């Protein structure tokens, strides 16, 4: 019974994971187009921050560097989101394979339980069948004894009834 409940629970989780995988796949397809290498973007951002912090620039040049840094930060955030989505998709694929294995194991356990129950039911039927046969044999003996006790008067009554039926059939 537990294996059957587990199997149902695993199937529900599997359905959820498949839907989640489909949703993440759509999102990751959209974000894959616009992503760059995370390491490259981090190095560019650090270089710009270092240049802004250590070198002296005019106000206009420093604003341009800060705008570039902000653009790179935005690209970096998109790249990180895309990377996280891909990692999450990998985890979901692993979860799906684990759940399918667990479902198969539960199916095997249910099949083994069914086999054991079938054997038990067959034994019960066999035992009940032998008890029925012995009780039927006793009933037959009792019936045979009763049949031997039929008197000639009973036969005559039976004959009369048969003759009455024949007469009615001929007359009708």
N, C-alpha and C. Protein backbone atom coordinates (compact mmCIF):
# COMPACT_ATOMS: atom_id res chain seq x y z
N UNK A 1 0.83 -1.19 0.00
CA UNK A 1 0.00 0.00 0.00
C UNK A 1 0.87 1.25 0.00
N UNK A 2 1.94 1.18 0.76
CA UNK A 2 2.84 2.33 0.83
C UNK A 2 3.50 2.59 -0.52
N UNK A 3 3.88 1.51 -1.21
CA UNK A 3 4.51 1.67 -2.51
C UNK A 3 3.56 2.33 -3.50
N UNK A 4 2.30 1.99 -3.41
CA UNK A 4 1.30 2.58 -4.30
C UNK A 4 1.12 4.07 -4.00
N UNK A 5 1.07 4.42 -2.72
CA UNK A 5 0.96 5.84 -2.34
C UNK A 5 2.20 6.61 -2.78
N UNK A 6 3.38 6.00 -2.60
CA UNK A 6 4.61 6.65 -3.05
C UNK A 6 4.60 6.87 -4.55
N UNK A 7 4.13 5.87 -5.28
CA UNK A 7 4.10 5.98 -6.73
C UNK A 7 3.21 7.14 -7.16
N UNK A 8 2.05 7.27 -6.53
CA UNK A 8 1.15 8.38 -6.87
C UNK A 8 1.80 9.73 -6.54
N UNK A 9 2.47 9.80 -5.39
CA UNK A 9 3.13 11.03 -5.00
C UNK A 9 4.26 11.37 -5.98
N UNK A 10 5.04 10.36 -6.38
CA UNK A 10 6.12 10.58 -7.33
C UNK A 10 5.58 11.04 -8.69
N UNK A 11 4.46 10.48 -9.10
CA UNK A 11 3.88 10.88 -10.39
C UNK A 11 3.42 12.34 -10.35
N UNK A 12 2.85 12.78 -9.24
CA UNK A 12 2.45 14.18 -9.12
C UNK A 12 3.66 15.10 -9.16
N UNK A 13 4.71 14.71 -8.44
CA UNK A 13 5.94 15.52 -8.44
C UNK A 13 6.56 15.55 -9.83
N UNK A 14 6.51 14.41 -10.53
CA UNK A 14 7.08 14.35 -11.87
C UNK A 14 6.33 15.28 -12.81
N UNK A 15 5.01 15.28 -12.72
CA UNK A 15 4.22 16.19 -13.56
C UNK A 15 4.58 17.65 -13.27
N UNK A 16 4.74 17.98 -12.00
CA UNK A 16 5.14 19.34 -11.63
C UNK A 16 6.51 19.67 -12.20
N UNK A 17 7.45 18.75 -12.07
CA UNK A 17 8.82 19.00 -12.55
C UNK A 17 8.85 19.15 -14.07
N UNK A 18 8.03 18.38 -14.78
CA UNK A 18 7.99 18.50 -16.24
C UNK A 18 7.45 19.87 -16.65
N UNK A 19 6.43 20.35 -15.95
CA UNK A 19 5.90 21.69 -16.24
C UNK A 19 6.94 22.75 -15.92
N UNK A 20 7.63 22.59 -14.81
CA UNK A 20 8.66 23.55 -14.43
C UNK A 20 9.80 23.56 -15.44
N UNK A 21 10.16 22.38 -15.92
CA UNK A 21 11.22 22.28 -16.92
C UNK A 21 10.83 23.02 -18.20
N UNK A 22 9.59 22.85 -18.62
CA UNK A 22 9.12 23.51 -19.83
C UNK A 22 9.16 25.04 -19.66
N UNK A 23 8.73 25.53 -18.52
CA UNK A 23 8.73 26.97 -18.27
C UNK A 23 10.15 27.52 -18.25
N UNK A 24 11.03 26.82 -17.57
CA UNK A 24 12.42 27.30 -17.48
C UNK A 24 13.11 27.22 -18.84
N UNK A 25 12.77 26.21 -19.61
CA UNK A 25 13.37 26.09 -20.95
C UNK A 25 12.98 27.29 -21.80
N UNK A 26 11.73 27.73 -21.71
CA UNK A 26 11.29 28.90 -22.48
C UNK A 26 12.04 30.15 -22.03
N UNK A 27 12.17 30.33 -20.71
CA UNK A 27 12.88 31.50 -20.20
C UNK A 27 14.36 31.47 -20.58
N UNK A 28 14.96 30.30 -20.49
CA UNK A 28 16.39 30.21 -20.79
C UNK A 28 16.65 30.41 -22.28
N UNK A 29 15.72 30.01 -23.13
CA UNK A 29 15.88 30.24 -24.57
C UNK A 29 15.88 31.74 -24.87
N UNK A 30 15.04 32.47 -24.17
CA UNK A 30 14.98 33.92 -24.36
C UNK A 30 16.28 34.57 -23.86
N UNK A 31 16.75 34.16 -22.71
CA UNK A 31 17.91 34.83 -22.12
C UNK A 31 19.24 34.35 -22.72
N UNK A 32 19.28 33.20 -23.37
CA UNK A 32 20.53 32.71 -23.96
C UNK A 32 20.99 33.61 -25.10
N UNK A 33 20.07 34.23 -25.77
CA UNK A 33 20.42 35.06 -26.93
C UNK A 33 21.24 36.28 -26.52
N UNK A 34 20.95 36.82 -25.36
CA UNK A 34 21.56 38.10 -24.98
C UNK A 34 22.65 37.97 -23.92
N UNK A 35 23.07 36.78 -23.57
CA UNK A 35 24.04 36.65 -22.50
C UNK A 35 25.46 36.55 -23.04
N UNK A 36 26.37 37.01 -22.21
CA UNK A 36 27.79 36.91 -22.51
C UNK A 36 28.47 36.13 -21.40
N UNK A 37 29.77 36.00 -21.50
CA UNK A 37 30.54 35.29 -20.50
C UNK A 37 30.57 36.08 -19.19
N UNK A 38 30.20 35.41 -18.10
CA UNK A 38 30.12 36.07 -16.80
C UNK A 38 31.50 36.55 -16.35
N UNK A 39 32.50 35.74 -16.52
CA UNK A 39 33.86 36.12 -16.09
C UNK A 39 34.36 37.35 -16.83
N UNK A 40 34.11 37.40 -18.12
CA UNK A 40 34.52 38.56 -18.93
C UNK A 40 33.84 39.82 -18.43
N UNK A 41 32.55 39.75 -18.17
CA UNK A 41 31.81 40.93 -17.71
C UNK A 41 32.29 41.37 -16.32
N UNK A 42 32.57 40.42 -15.45
CA UNK A 42 33.07 40.79 -14.11
C UNK A 42 34.42 41.48 -14.20
N UNK A 43 35.30 40.97 -15.04
CA UNK A 43 36.62 41.60 -15.20
C UNK A 43 36.49 43.02 -15.74
N UNK A 44 35.61 43.20 -16.73
CA UNK A 44 35.40 44.55 -17.28
C UNK A 44 34.88 45.50 -16.21
N UNK A 45 33.92 45.00 -15.41
CA UNK A 45 33.34 45.84 -14.35
C UNK A 45 34.41 46.22 -13.33
N UNK A 46 35.21 45.23 -12.91
CA UNK A 46 36.27 45.51 -11.93
C UNK A 46 37.29 46.49 -12.50
N UNK A 47 37.64 46.34 -13.78
CA UNK A 47 38.60 47.27 -14.40
C UNK A 47 38.05 48.69 -14.41
N UNK A 48 36.77 48.82 -14.77
CA UNK A 48 36.18 50.15 -14.78
C UNK A 48 36.13 50.75 -13.38
N UNK A 49 35.75 49.95 -12.40
CA UNK A 49 35.70 50.43 -11.01
C UNK A 49 37.10 50.86 -10.55
N UNK A 50 38.10 50.07 -10.91
CA UNK A 50 39.47 50.40 -10.53
C UNK A 50 39.91 51.72 -11.18
N UNK A 51 39.59 51.87 -12.47
CA UNK A 51 39.96 53.09 -13.19
C UNK A 51 39.26 54.31 -12.58
N UNK A 52 37.98 54.13 -12.23
CA UNK A 52 37.23 55.26 -11.65
C UNK A 52 37.81 55.62 -10.28
N UNK A 53 38.18 54.61 -9.52
CA UNK A 53 38.68 54.86 -8.16
C UNK A 53 40.10 55.41 -8.14
N UNK A 54 40.94 55.03 -9.08
CA UNK A 54 42.36 55.38 -8.98
C UNK A 54 42.79 56.53 -9.88
N UNK A 55 42.14 56.72 -11.00
CA UNK A 55 42.61 57.76 -11.92
C UNK A 55 41.74 59.01 -11.80
N UNK A 56 42.33 60.09 -12.17
CA UNK A 56 41.61 61.37 -12.12
C UNK A 56 41.07 61.66 -13.52
N UNK A 57 39.76 61.87 -13.58
CA UNK A 57 39.10 62.16 -14.85
C UNK A 57 38.30 63.44 -14.71
N UNK A 58 37.95 63.96 -15.86
CA UNK A 58 37.05 65.09 -15.84
C UNK A 58 35.66 64.57 -15.48
N UNK A 59 34.82 65.46 -15.12
CA UNK A 59 33.47 65.07 -14.71
C UNK A 59 32.74 64.32 -15.82
N UNK A 60 32.85 64.78 -17.04
CA UNK A 60 32.18 64.14 -18.18
C UNK A 60 32.74 62.73 -18.43
N UNK A 61 34.04 62.55 -18.38
CA UNK A 61 34.66 61.24 -18.59
C UNK A 61 34.25 60.27 -17.49
N UNK A 62 34.22 60.76 -16.27
CA UNK A 62 33.84 59.89 -15.15
C UNK A 62 32.37 59.45 -15.28
N UNK A 63 31.50 60.35 -15.72
CA UNK A 63 30.09 59.98 -15.94
C UNK A 63 29.97 58.91 -17.03
N UNK A 64 30.74 59.03 -18.09
CA UNK A 64 30.73 58.02 -19.16
C UNK A 64 31.20 56.66 -18.62
N UNK A 65 32.21 56.66 -17.81
CA UNK A 65 32.71 55.41 -17.23
C UNK A 65 31.66 54.78 -16.30
N UNK A 66 30.99 55.62 -15.53
CA UNK A 66 29.95 55.10 -14.63
C UNK A 66 28.79 54.54 -15.45
N UNK A 67 28.41 55.21 -16.56
CA UNK A 67 27.35 54.67 -17.44
C UNK A 67 27.76 53.31 -18.00
N UNK A 68 29.01 53.23 -18.46
CA UNK A 68 29.51 51.95 -18.99
C UNK A 68 29.48 50.88 -17.92
N UNK A 69 29.90 51.27 -16.70
CA UNK A 69 29.88 50.31 -15.59
C UNK A 69 28.46 49.82 -15.30
N UNK A 70 27.50 50.74 -15.31
CA UNK A 70 26.10 50.36 -15.08
C UNK A 70 25.57 49.44 -16.19
N UNK A 71 25.95 49.72 -17.43
CA UNK A 71 25.54 48.85 -18.55
C UNK A 71 26.13 47.45 -18.38
N UNK A 72 27.38 47.42 -17.98
CA UNK A 72 28.04 46.12 -17.79
C UNK A 72 27.39 45.38 -16.62
N UNK A 73 27.05 46.11 -15.56
CA UNK A 73 26.35 45.48 -14.43
C UNK A 73 25.02 44.88 -14.86
N UNK A 74 24.29 45.60 -15.72
CA UNK A 74 23.00 45.09 -16.21
C UNK A 74 23.21 43.82 -17.05
N UNK A 75 24.23 43.85 -17.91
CA UNK A 75 24.54 42.66 -18.71
C UNK A 75 24.96 41.51 -17.81
N UNK A 76 25.73 41.83 -16.78
CA UNK A 76 26.20 40.81 -15.84
C UNK A 76 25.02 40.19 -15.10
N UNK A 77 24.06 41.00 -14.68
CA UNK A 77 22.88 40.47 -14.01
C UNK A 77 22.09 39.53 -14.94
N UNK A 78 21.93 39.93 -16.19
CA UNK A 78 21.23 39.07 -17.17
C UNK A 78 21.99 37.76 -17.37
N UNK A 79 23.32 37.85 -17.46
CA UNK A 79 24.13 36.65 -17.65
C UNK A 79 24.01 35.72 -16.44
N UNK A 80 24.00 36.30 -15.25
CA UNK A 80 23.88 35.50 -14.03
C UNK A 80 22.50 34.84 -13.96
N UNK A 81 21.45 35.59 -14.32
CA UNK A 81 20.10 35.01 -14.35
C UNK A 81 20.04 33.84 -15.33
N UNK A 82 20.64 34.04 -16.49
CA UNK A 82 20.64 32.98 -17.50
C UNK A 82 21.40 31.75 -16.99
N UNK A 83 22.55 32.00 -16.36
CA UNK A 83 23.33 30.89 -15.82
C UNK A 83 22.55 30.14 -14.76
N UNK A 84 21.86 30.88 -13.87
CA UNK A 84 21.06 30.25 -12.82
C UNK A 84 19.92 29.44 -13.42
N UNK A 85 19.30 29.95 -14.46
CA UNK A 85 18.23 29.21 -15.12
C UNK A 85 18.76 27.90 -15.71
N UNK A 86 19.93 27.99 -16.36
CA UNK A 86 20.51 26.76 -16.93
C UNK A 86 20.84 25.74 -15.84
N UNK A 87 21.40 26.22 -14.73
CA UNK A 87 21.71 25.32 -13.61
C UNK A 87 20.43 24.71 -13.04
N UNK A 88 19.40 25.55 -12.89
CA UNK A 88 18.14 25.05 -12.37
C UNK A 88 17.54 24.01 -13.31
N UNK A 89 17.69 24.25 -14.61
CA UNK A 89 17.20 23.28 -15.59
C UNK A 89 17.95 21.95 -15.46
N UNK A 90 19.24 22.01 -15.22
CA UNK A 90 20.02 20.79 -15.01
C UNK A 90 19.54 20.04 -13.76
N UNK A 91 19.28 20.79 -12.70
CA UNK A 91 18.78 20.15 -11.48
C UNK A 91 17.42 19.51 -11.70
N UNK A 92 16.59 20.18 -12.46
CA UNK A 92 15.25 19.63 -12.74
C UNK A 92 15.37 18.36 -13.57
N UNK A 93 16.27 18.34 -14.53
CA UNK A 93 16.47 17.13 -15.34
C UNK A 93 16.92 15.98 -14.43
N UNK A 94 17.82 16.28 -13.50
CA UNK A 94 18.27 15.25 -12.55
C UNK A 94 17.11 14.78 -11.68
N UNK A 95 16.28 15.73 -11.22
CA UNK A 95 15.11 15.36 -10.42
C UNK A 95 14.15 14.47 -11.21
N UNK A 96 13.98 14.78 -12.48
CA UNK A 96 13.07 13.99 -13.33
C UNK A 96 13.59 12.57 -13.48
N UNK A 97 14.88 12.42 -13.70
CA UNK A 97 15.43 11.06 -13.84
C UNK A 97 15.31 10.30 -12.51
N UNK A 98 15.56 10.99 -11.40
CA UNK A 98 15.40 10.34 -10.09
C UNK A 98 13.96 9.91 -9.85
N UNK A 99 13.03 10.79 -10.18
CA UNK A 99 11.61 10.46 -9.98
C UNK A 99 11.17 9.30 -10.87
N UNK A 100 11.65 9.26 -12.10
CA UNK A 100 11.27 8.14 -12.96
C UNK A 100 11.84 6.83 -12.42
N UNK A 101 13.05 6.87 -11.87
CA UNK A 101 13.61 5.67 -11.24
C UNK A 101 12.77 5.24 -10.05
N UNK A 102 12.38 6.22 -9.22
CA UNK A 102 11.57 5.89 -8.05
C UNK A 102 10.20 5.35 -8.46
N UNK A 103 9.63 5.90 -9.52
CA UNK A 103 8.34 5.40 -10.01
C UNK A 103 8.48 3.96 -10.48
N UNK A 104 9.57 3.68 -11.21
CA UNK A 104 9.80 2.31 -11.66
C UNK A 104 9.97 1.36 -10.49
N UNK A 105 10.72 1.80 -9.47
CA UNK A 105 10.90 0.97 -8.28
C UNK A 105 9.56 0.73 -7.58
N UNK A 106 8.74 1.76 -7.50
CA UNK A 106 7.43 1.61 -6.87
C UNK A 106 6.54 0.67 -7.68
N UNK A 107 6.62 0.77 -9.00
CA UNK A 107 5.84 -0.13 -9.85
C UNK A 107 6.27 -1.58 -9.63
N UNK A 108 7.59 -1.78 -9.51
CA UNK A 108 8.08 -3.14 -9.25
C UNK A 108 7.59 -3.64 -7.90
N UNK A 109 7.63 -2.77 -6.89
CA UNK A 109 7.16 -3.17 -5.56
C UNK A 109 5.67 -3.50 -5.59
N UNK A 110 4.89 -2.71 -6.31
CA UNK A 110 3.45 -2.98 -6.42
C UNK A 110 3.22 -4.29 -7.16
N UNK A 111 4.00 -4.53 -8.21
CA UNK A 111 3.86 -5.79 -8.96
C UNK A 111 4.19 -6.99 -8.07
N UNK A 112 5.24 -6.87 -7.26
CA UNK A 112 5.59 -7.97 -6.36
C UNK A 112 4.50 -8.18 -5.31
N UNK A 113 3.96 -7.10 -4.80
CA UNK A 113 2.88 -7.21 -3.83
C UNK A 113 1.66 -7.86 -4.46
N UNK A 114 1.35 -7.47 -5.68
CA UNK A 114 0.22 -8.09 -6.39
C UNK A 114 0.45 -9.58 -6.61
N UNK A 115 1.69 -9.94 -6.92
CA UNK A 115 2.00 -11.35 -7.13
C UNK A 115 1.80 -12.15 -5.83
N UNK A 116 2.26 -11.58 -4.72
CA UNK A 116 2.08 -12.24 -3.43
C UNK A 116 0.60 -12.37 -3.10
N UNK A 117 -0.16 -11.30 -3.34
CA UNK A 117 -1.60 -11.35 -3.08
C UNK A 117 -2.29 -12.37 -3.97
N UNK A 118 -1.89 -12.46 -5.23
CA UNK A 118 -2.47 -13.45 -6.13
C UNK A 118 -2.22 -14.87 -5.62
N UNK A 119 -1.00 -15.11 -5.14
CA UNK A 119 -0.68 -16.43 -4.59
C UNK A 119 -1.52 -16.72 -3.34
N UNK A 120 -1.67 -15.71 -2.49
CA UNK A 120 -2.48 -15.90 -1.29
C UNK A 120 -3.94 -16.17 -1.65
N UNK A 121 -4.47 -15.41 -2.60
CA UNK A 121 -5.85 -15.63 -3.02
C UNK A 121 -6.03 -17.02 -3.64
N UNK A 122 -5.03 -17.46 -4.40
CA UNK A 122 -5.10 -18.79 -4.99
C UNK A 122 -5.11 -19.85 -3.89
N UNK A 123 -4.31 -19.68 -2.86
CA UNK A 123 -4.31 -20.63 -1.75
C UNK A 123 -5.65 -20.63 -1.02
N UNK A 124 -6.20 -19.44 -0.81
CA UNK A 124 -7.50 -19.36 -0.14
C UNK A 124 -8.57 -20.05 -0.98
N UNK A 125 -8.56 -19.79 -2.29
CA UNK A 125 -9.54 -20.44 -3.17
C UNK A 125 -9.38 -21.95 -3.17
N UNK A 126 -8.12 -22.39 -3.17
CA UNK A 126 -7.86 -23.82 -3.17
C UNK A 126 -8.39 -24.45 -1.89
N UNK A 127 -8.12 -23.79 -0.75
CA UNK A 127 -8.60 -24.30 0.53
C UNK A 127 -10.12 -24.29 0.57
N UNK A 128 -10.73 -23.19 0.13
CA UNK A 128 -12.19 -23.12 0.12
C UNK A 128 -12.77 -24.12 -0.86
N UNK A 129 -12.07 -24.35 -1.96
CA UNK A 129 -12.54 -25.32 -2.95
C UNK A 129 -12.56 -26.72 -2.38
N UNK A 130 -11.56 -27.11 -1.60
CA UNK A 130 -11.55 -28.44 -1.00
C UNK A 130 -12.64 -28.54 0.05
N UNK A 131 -12.88 -27.48 0.79
CA UNK A 131 -13.96 -27.50 1.77
C UNK A 131 -15.31 -27.59 1.08
N UNK A 132 -15.47 -26.89 -0.04
CA UNK A 132 -16.72 -26.96 -0.78
C UNK A 132 -16.94 -28.38 -1.32
N UNK A 133 -15.88 -28.93 -1.86
CA UNK A 133 -16.01 -30.28 -2.42
C UNK A 133 -16.44 -31.29 -1.36
N UNK A 134 -15.85 -31.20 -0.17
CA UNK A 134 -16.24 -32.14 0.88
C UNK A 134 -17.68 -31.90 1.32
N UNK A 135 -18.08 -30.61 1.42
CA UNK A 135 -19.46 -30.34 1.81
C UNK A 135 -20.42 -30.76 0.69
N UNK A 136 -20.02 -30.56 -0.58
CA UNK A 136 -20.86 -31.00 -1.70
C UNK A 136 -20.98 -32.52 -1.70
N UNK A 137 -19.90 -33.20 -1.40
CA UNK A 137 -19.93 -34.66 -1.36
C UNK A 137 -20.90 -35.15 -0.29
N UNK A 138 -20.87 -34.51 0.89
CA UNK A 138 -21.79 -34.88 1.97
C UNK A 138 -23.23 -34.60 1.55
N UNK A 139 -23.47 -33.48 0.87
CA UNK A 139 -24.82 -33.16 0.41
C UNK A 139 -25.29 -34.18 -0.61
N UNK A 140 -24.42 -34.59 -1.51
CA UNK A 140 -24.80 -35.59 -2.52
C UNK A 140 -25.17 -36.91 -1.86
N UNK A 141 -24.39 -37.29 -0.87
CA UNK A 141 -24.71 -38.54 -0.16
C UNK A 141 -26.09 -38.44 0.47
N UNK A 142 -26.36 -37.32 1.09
CA UNK A 142 -27.65 -37.10 1.74
C UNK A 142 -28.77 -37.12 0.70
N UNK A 143 -28.55 -36.51 -0.44
CA UNK A 143 -29.56 -36.49 -1.51
C UNK A 143 -29.78 -37.90 -2.05
N UNK A 144 -28.67 -38.64 -2.26
CA UNK A 144 -28.80 -40.00 -2.78
C UNK A 144 -29.59 -40.87 -1.81
N UNK A 145 -29.35 -40.69 -0.51
CA UNK A 145 -30.11 -41.45 0.49
C UNK A 145 -31.59 -41.10 0.41
N UNK A 146 -31.90 -39.85 0.23
CA UNK A 146 -33.30 -39.44 0.13
C UNK A 146 -33.93 -40.02 -1.13
N UNK A 147 -33.17 -40.07 -2.21
CA UNK A 147 -33.73 -40.59 -3.45
C UNK A 147 -34.07 -42.09 -3.32
N UNK A 148 -33.33 -42.77 -2.54
CA UNK A 148 -33.61 -44.20 -2.35
C UNK A 148 -34.86 -44.42 -1.52
N UNK A 149 -35.29 -43.46 -0.77
CA UNK A 149 -36.45 -43.59 0.10
C UNK A 149 -37.75 -43.22 -0.61
N UNK A 150 -37.74 -43.03 -1.90
CA UNK A 150 -38.96 -42.68 -2.63
C UNK A 150 -39.85 -43.92 -2.69
N UNK A 151 -41.10 -43.73 -2.41
CA UNK A 151 -42.05 -44.85 -2.42
C UNK A 151 -42.75 -44.92 -3.78
N UNK A 152 -43.45 -46.04 -3.99
CA UNK A 152 -44.16 -46.22 -5.24
C UNK A 152 -45.32 -45.24 -5.38
N UNK A 153 -45.86 -44.82 -4.28
CA UNK A 153 -46.96 -43.85 -4.32
C UNK A 153 -46.45 -42.50 -4.86
N UNK A 154 -45.23 -42.15 -4.48
CA UNK A 154 -44.65 -40.90 -4.98
C UNK A 154 -44.46 -40.97 -6.48
N UNK A 155 -44.08 -42.13 -6.98
CA UNK A 155 -43.87 -42.30 -8.41
C UNK A 155 -45.19 -42.19 -9.15
N UNK A 156 -46.24 -42.79 -8.59
CA UNK A 156 -47.55 -42.74 -9.22
C UNK A 156 -48.04 -41.30 -9.30
N UNK A 157 -47.82 -40.52 -8.27
CA UNK A 157 -48.25 -39.12 -8.29
C UNK A 157 -47.49 -38.37 -9.36
N UNK A 158 -46.22 -38.66 -9.49
CA UNK A 158 -45.41 -38.01 -10.51
C UNK A 158 -45.93 -38.39 -11.88
N UNK A 159 -46.27 -39.67 -12.05
CA UNK A 159 -46.78 -40.14 -13.32
C UNK A 159 -48.09 -39.46 -13.65
N UNK A 160 -48.95 -39.33 -12.65
CA UNK A 160 -50.24 -38.69 -12.87
C UNK A 160 -50.05 -37.25 -13.30
N UNK A 161 -49.13 -36.57 -12.72
CA UNK A 161 -48.88 -35.18 -13.09
C UNK A 161 -48.38 -35.09 -14.52
N UNK A 162 -47.53 -36.03 -14.91
CA UNK A 162 -47.01 -36.03 -16.27
C UNK A 162 -48.13 -36.30 -17.26
N UNK A 163 -49.00 -37.22 -16.91
CA UNK A 163 -50.12 -37.54 -17.80
C UNK A 163 -51.06 -36.35 -17.93
N UNK A 164 -51.28 -35.61 -16.82
CA UNK A 164 -52.13 -34.42 -16.86
C UNK A 164 -51.55 -33.37 -17.79
N UNK A 165 -50.25 -33.20 -17.75
CA UNK A 165 -49.58 -32.23 -18.61
C UNK A 165 -49.72 -32.65 -20.06
N UNK A 166 -49.58 -33.93 -20.35
CA UNK A 166 -49.70 -34.41 -21.72
C UNK A 166 -51.10 -34.20 -22.25
N UNK A 167 -52.08 -34.46 -21.41
CA UNK A 167 -53.47 -34.26 -21.81
C UNK A 167 -53.76 -32.78 -22.11
N UNK A 168 -53.24 -31.91 -21.27
CA UNK A 168 -53.48 -30.49 -21.47
C UNK A 168 -52.81 -30.03 -22.76
N UNK A 169 -51.61 -30.53 -23.04
CA UNK A 169 -50.90 -30.16 -24.24
C UNK A 169 -51.65 -30.65 -25.48
N UNK A 170 -52.23 -31.87 -25.42
CA UNK A 170 -52.97 -32.41 -26.57
C UNK A 170 -54.26 -31.65 -26.79
N UNK A 171 -54.92 -31.26 -25.72
CA UNK A 171 -56.19 -30.56 -25.82
C UNK A 171 -56.03 -29.12 -26.24
N UNK A 172 -54.95 -28.53 -26.00
CA UNK A 172 -54.77 -27.12 -26.29
C UNK A 172 -54.44 -26.84 -27.70
